[in-house]
Structure formats: structure tokens, C-alpha cells
C-alpha atoms as a PDB file:
ATOM      1  CA  MET A   1      22.721  -3.387 -17.204  1.00  0.00           C
ATOM      2  CA  PRO A   2      20.355  -3.550 -20.215  1.00  0.00           C
ATOM      3  CA  ARG A   3      17.450  -1.173 -20.076  1.00  0.00           C
ATOM      4  CA  PRO A   4      14.025  -2.804 -19.927  1.00  0.00           C
ATOM      5  CA  SER A   5      11.475  -2.318 -22.649  1.00  0.00           C
ATOM      6  CA  HIS A   6       8.237  -0.567 -21.802  1.00  0.00           C
ATOM      7  CA  PRO A   7       4.693  -1.539 -22.824  1.00  0.00           C
ATOM      8  CA  PRO A   8       2.964   0.907 -25.174  1.00  0.00           C
ATOM      9  CA  ALA A   9       0.413   1.896 -22.523  1.00  0.00           C
ATOM     10  CA  PHE A  10       3.236   3.159 -20.334  1.00  0.00           C
ATOM     11  CA  ARG A  11       4.704   5.507 -22.919  1.00  0.00           C
ATOM     12  CA  PRO A  12       2.537   8.531 -21.964  1.00  0.00           C
ATOM     13  CA  VAL A  13       3.767   8.121 -18.369  1.00  0.00           C
ATOM     14  CA  LEU A  14       7.392   8.044 -19.518  1.00  0.00           C
ATOM     15  CA  ARG A  15       6.880  11.084 -21.733  1.00  0.00           C
ATOM     16  CA  HIS A  16       5.296  13.006 -18.872  1.00  0.00           C
ATOM     17  CA  LEU A  17       7.999  12.101 -16.346  1.00  0.00           C
ATOM     18  CA  ALA A  18      10.826  12.647 -18.836  1.00  0.00           C
ATOM     19  CA  LYS A  19       9.611  16.190 -19.356  1.00  0.00           C
ATOM     20  CA  ALA A  20       8.762  16.874 -15.714  1.00  0.00           C
ATOM     21  CA  ASP A  21      11.686  15.164 -13.997  1.00  0.00           C
ATOM     22  CA  PRO A  22      14.577  13.632 -15.953  1.00  0.00           C
ATOM     23  CA  VAL A  23      16.066  12.060 -12.808  1.00  0.00           C
ATOM     24  CA  MET A  24      12.893  10.095 -12.080  1.00  0.00           C
ATOM     25  CA  HIS A  25      12.621   9.194 -15.753  1.00  0.00           C
ATOM     26  CA  GLU A  26      16.128   7.705 -15.702  1.00  0.00           C
ATOM     27  CA  LEU A  27      15.367   5.740 -12.514  1.00  0.00           C
ATOM     28  CA  ILE A  28      12.321   4.166 -14.192  1.00  0.00           C
ATOM     29  CA  ARG A  29      14.388   3.271 -17.255  1.00  0.00           C
ATOM     30  CA  ARG A  30      16.953   1.592 -14.985  1.00  0.00           C
ATOM     31  CA  VAL A  31      14.716  -0.448 -12.689  1.00  0.00           C
ATOM     32  CA  GLY A  32      11.810  -1.276 -14.995  1.00  0.00           C
ATOM     33  CA  VAL A  33       8.187  -0.335 -15.276  1.00  0.00           C
ATOM     34  CA  PHE A  34       5.533  -0.501 -12.597  1.00  0.00           C
ATOM     35  CA  THR A  35       1.876  -0.299 -13.549  1.00  0.00           C
ATOM     36  CA  PRO A  36      -0.530  -0.980 -10.661  1.00  0.00           C
ATOM     37  CA  ILE A  37      -2.491  -4.215 -11.006  1.00  0.00           C
ATOM     38  CA  PRO A  38      -5.436  -4.157  -8.587  1.00  0.00           C
ATOM     39  CA  GLN A  39      -6.082  -7.112  -6.307  1.00  0.00           C
ATOM     40  CA  ARG A  40      -9.507  -7.609  -7.778  1.00  0.00           C
ATOM     41  CA  ARG A  41     -10.646 -10.267  -5.306  1.00  0.00           C
ATOM     42  CA  GLN A  42      -9.986  -8.076  -2.291  1.00  0.00           C
ATOM     43  CA  ALA A  43     -12.601  -5.751  -0.891  1.00  0.00           C
ATOM     44  CA  PRO A  44     -11.300  -2.746   1.068  1.00  0.00           C
ATOM     45  CA  TYR A  45     -12.466  -4.485   4.266  1.00  0.00           C
ATOM     46  CA  GLU A  46     -10.196  -7.467   3.560  1.00  0.00           C
ATOM     47  CA  THR A  47      -7.248  -5.270   2.634  1.00  0.00           C
ATOM     48  CA  LEU A  48      -7.573  -3.365   5.900  1.00  0.00           C
ATOM     49  CA  VAL A  49      -7.761  -6.539   8.006  1.00  0.00           C
ATOM     50  CA  ARG A  50      -4.696  -7.914   6.254  1.00  0.00           C
ATOM     51  CA  ALA A  51      -2.879  -4.627   6.819  1.00  0.00           C
ATOM     52  CA  ILE A  52      -3.618  -4.770  10.550  1.00  0.00           C
ATOM     53  CA  ALA A  53      -2.206  -8.311  10.634  1.00  0.00           C
ATOM     54  CA  HIS A  54       1.043  -7.086   9.071  1.00  0.00           C
ATOM     55  CA  GLN A  55       1.574  -4.143  11.398  1.00  0.00           C
ATOM     56  CA  GLN A  56       4.890  -4.405  13.307  1.00  0.00           C
ATOM     57  CA  LEU A  57       5.570  -7.917  11.973  1.00  0.00           C
ATOM     58  CA  ASN A  58       7.704  -9.289   9.183  1.00  0.00           C
ATOM     59  CA  GLY A  59       5.848 -10.692   6.191  1.00  0.00           C
ATOM     60  CA  ARG A  60       6.347 -14.369   7.048  1.00  0.00           C
ATOM     61  CA  ALA A  61       5.089 -14.016  10.621  1.00  0.00           C
ATOM     62  CA  ALA A  62       2.063 -12.017   9.493  1.00  0.00           C
ATOM     63  CA  GLN A  63       1.190 -14.576   6.819  1.00  0.00           C
ATOM     64  CA  THR A  64       1.412 -17.397   9.366  1.00  0.00           C
ATOM     65  CA  ILE A  65      -1.020 -15.619  11.681  1.00  0.00           C
ATOM     66  CA  LEU A  66      -3.352 -14.769   8.800  1.00  0.00           C
ATOM     67  CA  GLY A  67      -3.322 -18.423   7.742  1.00  0.00           C
ATOM     68  CA  ARG A  68      -4.369 -19.535  11.228  1.00  0.00           C
ATOM     69  CA  PHE A  69      -7.038 -16.835  11.298  1.00  0.00           C
ATOM     70  CA  ILE A  70      -8.528 -17.832   7.931  1.00  0.00           C
ATOM     71  CA  ALA A  71      -8.452 -21.490   9.000  1.00  0.00           C
ATOM     72  CA  LEU A  72     -11.013 -20.586  11.682  1.00  0.00           C
ATOM     73  CA  PHE A  73     -13.527 -20.261   8.826  1.00  0.00           C
ATOM     74  CA  PRO A  74     -13.443 -23.540   6.835  1.00  0.00           C
ATOM     75  CA  GLY A  75     -14.481 -23.307   3.203  1.00  0.00           C
ATOM     76  CA  LYS A  76     -14.017 -19.548   2.967  1.00  0.00           C
ATOM     77  CA  ARG A  77     -11.275 -17.732   1.103  1.00  0.00           C
ATOM     78  CA  PHE A  78     -11.540 -14.935   3.672  1.00  0.00           C
ATOM     79  CA  PRO A  79     -14.075 -14.406   6.481  1.00  0.00           C
ATOM     80  CA  GLU A  80     -16.931 -11.966   6.051  1.00  0.00           C
ATOM     81  CA  PRO A  81     -17.331  -9.169   8.627  1.00  0.00           C
ATOM     82  CA  ASP A  82     -20.177 -11.018  10.362  1.00  0.00           C
ATOM     83  CA  ASP A  83     -17.975 -14.112  10.664  1.00  0.00           C
ATOM     84  CA  VAL A  84     -15.350 -12.091  12.495  1.00  0.00           C
ATOM     85  CA  LEU A  85     -17.901 -10.482  14.790  1.00  0.00           C
ATOM     86  CA  ARG A  86     -19.162 -13.929  15.819  1.00  0.00           C
ATOM     87  CA  THR A  87     -15.637 -15.158  16.575  1.00  0.00           C
ATOM     88  CA  SER A  88     -14.423 -14.894  20.148  1.00  0.00           C
ATOM     89  CA  ALA A  89     -11.377 -12.831  21.026  1.00  0.00           C
ATOM     90  CA  ALA A  90      -9.918 -15.968  22.632  1.00  0.00           C
ATOM     91  CA  LYS A  91      -9.918 -17.805  19.299  1.00  0.00           C
ATOM     92  CA  MET A  92      -8.301 -14.848  17.575  1.00  0.00           C
ATOM     93  CA  ARG A  93      -5.674 -14.697  20.316  1.00  0.00           C
ATOM     94  CA  ARG A  94      -4.864 -18.355  19.714  1.00  0.00           C
ATOM     95  CA  ALA A  95      -4.388 -17.556  16.022  1.00  0.00           C
ATOM     96  CA  GLY A  96      -1.689 -15.120  17.078  1.00  0.00           C
ATOM     97  CA  PHE A  97      -3.310 -11.694  17.121  1.00  0.00           C
ATOM     98  CA  SER A  98      -2.515  -9.277  19.934  1.00  0.00           C
ATOM     99  CA  ARG A  99      -5.350  -7.711  21.910  1.00  0.00           C
ATOM    100  CA  ALA A 100      -4.781  -4.400  20.116  1.00  0.00           C
ATOM    101  CA  LYS A 101      -5.046  -6.052  16.700  1.00  0.00           C
ATOM    102  CA  ILE A 102      -8.180  -7.953  17.720  1.00  0.00           C
ATOM    103  CA  ARG A 103      -9.759  -4.687  18.786  1.00  0.00           C
ATOM    104  CA  ALA A 104      -8.872  -3.086  15.438  1.00  0.00           C
ATOM    105  CA  ILE A 105     -10.077  -6.055  13.355  1.00  0.00           C
ATOM    106  CA  LYS A 106     -13.340  -6.258  15.296  1.00  0.00           C
ATOM    107  CA  HIS A 107     -13.897  -2.538  14.826  1.00  0.00           C
ATOM    108  CA  ILE A 108     -13.221  -2.702  11.081  1.00  0.00           C
ATOM    109  CA  SER A 109     -15.541  -5.700  10.798  1.00  0.00           C
ATOM    110  CA  ALA A 110     -18.321  -3.959  12.701  1.00  0.00           C
ATOM    111  CA  LYS A 111     -18.075  -0.888  10.506  1.00  0.00           C
ATOM    112  CA  ALA A 112     -17.972  -3.031   7.372  1.00  0.00           C
ATOM    113  CA  ALA A 113     -21.059  -4.953   8.497  1.00  0.00           C
ATOM    114  CA  ALA A 114     -22.793  -1.618   9.052  1.00  0.00           C
ATOM    115  CA  GLY A 115     -21.897  -0.459   5.533  1.00  0.00           C
ATOM    116  CA  GLU A 116     -19.400   2.146   6.725  1.00  0.00           C
ATOM    117  CA  VAL A 117     -16.425   0.548   4.955  1.00  0.00           C
ATOM    118  CA  PRO A 118     -17.056   1.011   1.231  1.00  0.00           C
ATOM    119  CA  THR A 119     -17.271  -1.908  -1.160  1.00  0.00           C
ATOM    120  CA  ARG A 120     -14.935  -1.952  -4.146  1.00  0.00           C
ATOM    121  CA  ARG A 121     -17.717  -0.541  -6.299  1.00  0.00           C
ATOM    122  CA  LYS A 122     -18.453   2.309  -3.935  1.00  0.00           C
ATOM    123  CA  ALA A 123     -14.756   2.976  -3.346  1.00  0.00           C
ATOM    124  CA  GLY A 124     -14.354   3.260  -7.108  1.00  0.00           C
ATOM    125  CA  ARG A 125     -16.669   6.270  -7.056  1.00  0.00           C
ATOM    126  CA  MET A 126     -14.837   7.989  -4.198  1.00  0.00           C
ATOM    127  CA  THR A 127     -11.828  10.277  -4.433  1.00  0.00           C
ATOM    128  CA  ASP A 128      -8.519   9.370  -2.821  1.00  0.00           C
ATOM    129  CA  ASP A 129      -8.947  12.127  -0.235  1.00  0.00           C
ATOM    130  CA  ASP A 130     -12.481  11.018   0.645  1.00  0.00           C
ATOM    131  CA  LEU A 131     -11.335   7.431   1.158  1.00  0.00           C
ATOM    132  CA  ILE A 132      -8.450   8.553   3.359  1.00  0.00           C
ATOM    133  CA  LEU A 133     -10.764  10.739   5.404  1.00  0.00           C
ATOM    134  CA  GLN A 134     -13.364   7.994   5.878  1.00  0.00           C
ATOM    135  CA  LEU A 135     -11.100   5.015   6.495  1.00  0.00           C
ATOM    136  CA  THR A 136      -8.697   6.709   8.900  1.00  0.00           C
ATOM    137  CA  GLU A 137     -11.663   7.016  11.258  1.00  0.00           C
ATOM    138  CA  LEU A 138     -11.335   3.263  11.816  1.00  0.00           C
ATOM    139  CA  HIS A 139      -9.419   2.051  14.843  1.00  0.00           C
ATOM    140  CA  GLY A 140      -5.860   1.082  13.943  1.00  0.00           C
ATOM    141  CA  VAL A 141      -6.028   2.463  10.392  1.00  0.00           C
ATOM    142  CA  GLY A 142      -3.699   5.324   9.533  1.00  0.00           C
ATOM    143  CA  ARG A 143      -3.094   7.370   6.425  1.00  0.00           C
ATOM    144  CA  TRP A 144      -0.266   5.093   5.219  1.00  0.00           C
ATOM    145  CA  THR A 145      -2.503   2.008   5.391  1.00  0.00           C
ATOM    146  CA  VAL A 146      -5.165   3.672   3.265  1.00  0.00           C
ATOM    147  CA  GLN A 147      -2.538   4.860   0.797  1.00  0.00           C
ATOM    148  CA  MET A 148      -1.364   1.258   0.352  1.00  0.00           C
ATOM    149  CA  LEU A 149      -4.993   0.248  -0.264  1.00  0.00           C
ATOM    150  CA  LEU A 150      -5.323   2.982  -2.856  1.00  0.00           C
ATOM    151  CA  MET A 151      -2.142   1.928  -4.642  1.00  0.00           C
ATOM    152  CA  PHE A 152      -2.254  -1.852  -4.513  1.00  0.00           C
ATOM    153  CA  THR A 153      -5.937  -2.758  -4.132  1.00  0.00           C
ATOM    154  CA  LEU A 154      -7.591  -0.002  -6.136  1.00  0.00           C
ATOM    155  CA  ALA A 155      -4.633   0.807  -8.445  1.00  0.00           C
ATOM    156  CA  ARG A 156      -4.993   4.545  -8.020  1.00  0.00           C
ATOM    157  CA  PRO A 157      -2.240   6.165 -10.109  1.00  0.00           C
ATOM    158  CA  ASP A 158      -1.555   9.349  -8.159  1.00  0.00           C
ATOM    159  CA  VAL A 159      -0.693   8.433  -4.551  1.00  0.00           C
ATOM    160  CA  LEU A 160       2.486   9.605  -2.798  1.00  0.00           C
ATOM    161  CA  PRO A 161       3.013   8.175   0.735  1.00  0.00           C
ATOM    162  CA  ALA A 162       5.599  10.789   1.661  1.00  0.00           C
ATOM    163  CA  ASP A 163       5.824   9.708   5.317  1.00  0.00           C
ATOM    164  CA  ASP A 164       7.062   6.260   4.269  1.00  0.00           C
ATOM    165  CA  PHE A 165      10.693   5.596   5.232  1.00  0.00           C
ATOM    166  CA  GLY A 166      11.406   3.731   1.988  1.00  0.00           C
ATOM    167  CA  ILE A 167      10.032   6.557  -0.143  1.00  0.00           C
ATOM    168  CA  ARG A 168      12.205   9.114   1.622  1.00  0.00           C
ATOM    169  CA  GLU A 169      15.302   6.906   1.493  1.00  0.00           C
ATOM    170  CA  GLY A 170      14.691   6.118  -2.176  1.00  0.00           C
ATOM    171  CA  PHE A 171      14.392   9.834  -2.852  1.00  0.00           C
ATOM    172  CA  ARG A 172      17.687  10.485  -1.071  1.00  0.00           C
ATOM    173  CA  LEU A 173      19.493   7.821  -3.099  1.00  0.00           C
ATOM    174  CA  THR A 174      17.919   8.779  -6.418  1.00  0.00           C
ATOM    175  CA  TYR A 175      18.574  12.497  -6.115  1.00  0.00           C
ATOM    176  CA  GLY A 176      22.005  12.178  -4.470  1.00  0.00           C
ATOM    177  CA  LEU A 177      21.127  13.851  -1.174  1.00  0.00           C
ATOM    178  CA  ARG A 178      23.254  13.535   1.958  1.00  0.00           C
ATOM    179  CA  ALA A 179      20.262  13.645   4.312  1.00  0.00           C
ATOM    180  CA  ARG A 180      16.891  11.979   3.995  1.00  0.00           C
ATOM    181  CA  PRO A 181      14.273  14.546   2.903  1.00  0.00           C
ATOM    182  CA  THR A 182      11.294  15.468   5.025  1.00  0.00           C
ATOM    183  CA  PRO A 183       7.818  14.352   3.933  1.00  0.00           C
ATOM    184  CA  LYS A 184       7.070  17.985   3.098  1.00  0.00           C
ATOM    185  CA  GLN A 185      10.073  18.135   0.775  1.00  0.00           C
ATOM    186  CA  VAL A 186       9.055  14.901  -0.964  1.00  0.00           C
ATOM    187  CA  LEU A 187       5.508  16.183  -1.464  1.00  0.00           C
ATOM    188  CA  ALA A 188       6.744  19.494  -2.844  1.00  0.00           C
ATOM    189  CA  HIS A 189       9.051  17.810  -5.352  1.00  0.00           C
ATOM    190  CA  GLY A 190       6.452  15.161  -6.134  1.00  0.00           C
ATOM    191  CA  ASP A 191       3.988  17.712  -7.459  1.00  0.00           C
ATOM    192  CA  ARG A 192       5.832  17.512 -10.772  1.00  0.00           C
ATOM    193  CA  TRP A 193       5.020  13.768 -11.010  1.00  0.00           C
ATOM    194  CA  ARG A 194       1.257  14.302 -10.988  1.00  0.00           C
ATOM    195  CA  PRO A 195      -0.876  12.483 -12.116  1.00  0.00           C
ATOM    196  CA  TYR A 196       1.512   9.499 -11.818  1.00  0.00           C
ATOM    197  CA  ARG A 197       2.823   9.744  -8.267  1.00  0.00           C
ATOM    198  CA  SER A 198       2.044   6.086  -7.546  1.00  0.00           C
ATOM    199  CA  ILE A 199       4.377   5.121 -10.387  1.00  0.00           C
ATOM    200  CA  ALA A 200       7.113   7.364  -9.016  1.00  0.00           C
ATOM    201  CA  SER A 201       6.574   6.025  -5.494  1.00  0.00           C
ATOM    202  CA  TRP A 202       7.041   2.406  -6.489  1.00  0.00           C
ATOM    203  CA  HIS A 203      10.256   3.236  -8.300  1.00  0.00           C
ATOM    204  CA  LEU A 204      11.615   5.037  -5.234  1.00  0.00           C
ATOM    205  CA  TRP A 205      11.061   1.820  -3.268  1.00  0.00           C
ATOM    206  CA  ARG A 206      12.856  -0.066  -6.040  1.00  0.00           C
ATOM    207  CA  ALA A 207      15.768   2.372  -5.773  1.00  0.00           C
ATOM    208  CA  VAL A 208      16.276   1.236  -2.161  1.00  0.00           C
ATOM    209  CA  GLU A 209      16.169  -2.423  -3.187  1.00  0.00           C
ATOM    210  CA  LEU A 210      18.609  -1.798  -6.018  1.00  0.00           C
ATOM    211  CA  HIS A 211      21.017  -0.024  -3.675  1.00  0.00           C
ATOM    212  CA  ARG A 212      20.771  -2.873  -1.143  1.00  0.00           C
ATOM    213  CA  ASP A 213      21.403  -5.465  -3.839  1.00  0.00           C
ATOM    214  CA  GLN A 214      24.466  -3.599  -5.115  1.00  0.00           C
ATOM    215  CA  ARG A 215      25.935  -3.300  -1.618  1.00  0.00           C
ATOM    216  CA  SER A 216      25.488  -7.014  -0.945  1.00  0.00           C
ATOM    217  CA  ARG A 217      27.502  -8.091  -3.996  1.00  0.00           C
END
């Protein structure tokens, strides 16, 4: 397959990874470039609520439920925390949320209304570790969820969600391992990708997709 071209801004990343890890460098050359583009309209509060909606559901089902939920608030792109707090659990149940998800969304909304979930501006001044520490205190929010927020909402360049199944499987395929590595092994190897571990992570996910596509032909 033809190798994709890379934008000039990505060249320092390629140079770093080529020197640090030729295998990762070749994977990026094969599958194309990923540079995080932040979802600028989403506050961390919204990202977390959306993440709760997607837990244990496929994307289509989660989007259907989110659509019903947002429809409870006519004229709004997404409800504010106070809107959610004023909404009965019964209405949220009718939208499709489980009791556990309602509890988590209400808790996130209450903390956001109290100023304990940082705005985008405040989050921009916080380190990755500080955001993980603060946001994992919220009900229903784990480390992986915050890592996704860091990567895809805030476009942080150096995040490695080593517990993620796709990351570990992509690592196995890329590096020709028989067994899937442990999170500890991924983290140890991933030190060489710093400060671009988010870039490496996305390409490991793409390695899984590429393998799946090749097997389906």
C-alpha cells in the first residue's frame, strides 16, 4: 500500500519515534498520521457525561440514549449541570439510562455545579496526573475515562492508557508477540515514546483495525 504523506508539524514526532522505536515509526508510516484535534465545544463535564452514557454499550445504542437525553432540554446543544440536577430520575430512565448511570451523571453534574469539575480553561492549567487524580473521585469515572478525555477532548500528547484491551492487542500485533502484554510491560516499553505517547496509542488502536480489515478480505 502507498505510504501516506505527513504534515510538516508532524515531522519532529516522526524523527523522535524513528530514533526511539523503529517498529512504532514503521507502524505510523503504514497506517497514517494521528494528531489530536480537541473537541473544542466540549467541557470536561460534558465529556464525562457522554462517557458514562457509552459505558457497556455499543456506539449506536449510546448515541440513541444520548439523543433522547438531550431532547429533554429543548433549544440546548447539551444540558448544563443545573439542568440535569433539576431533571427527575424517572425522566432519565425513560431516556434509557440505567439507575447506576443516572446516579453517576447526577453526581458528576452536582460536582460540576459546585465547581469541582474543572472548566476547559482550568483543565488547561492542570497536569495530566492532577486531572486523573481529581476526576477519578467522581462516581462512575475511572482512570481510562479520564485518559480518553485527556486525549480526545484536551488533545494532551503524552497519554498511554496501558490497561486498554485495544492498546495491548495492538502492541502484540505490532511487535509480533504471541501473548498480549501486561499493562506494566506496555508502560515500560512506552517510556521511549515520551512525550508522544498519545500518538503511539492511537496507532496501536489502528493496528488492531488494520489487522481486522486484512482478515476480513
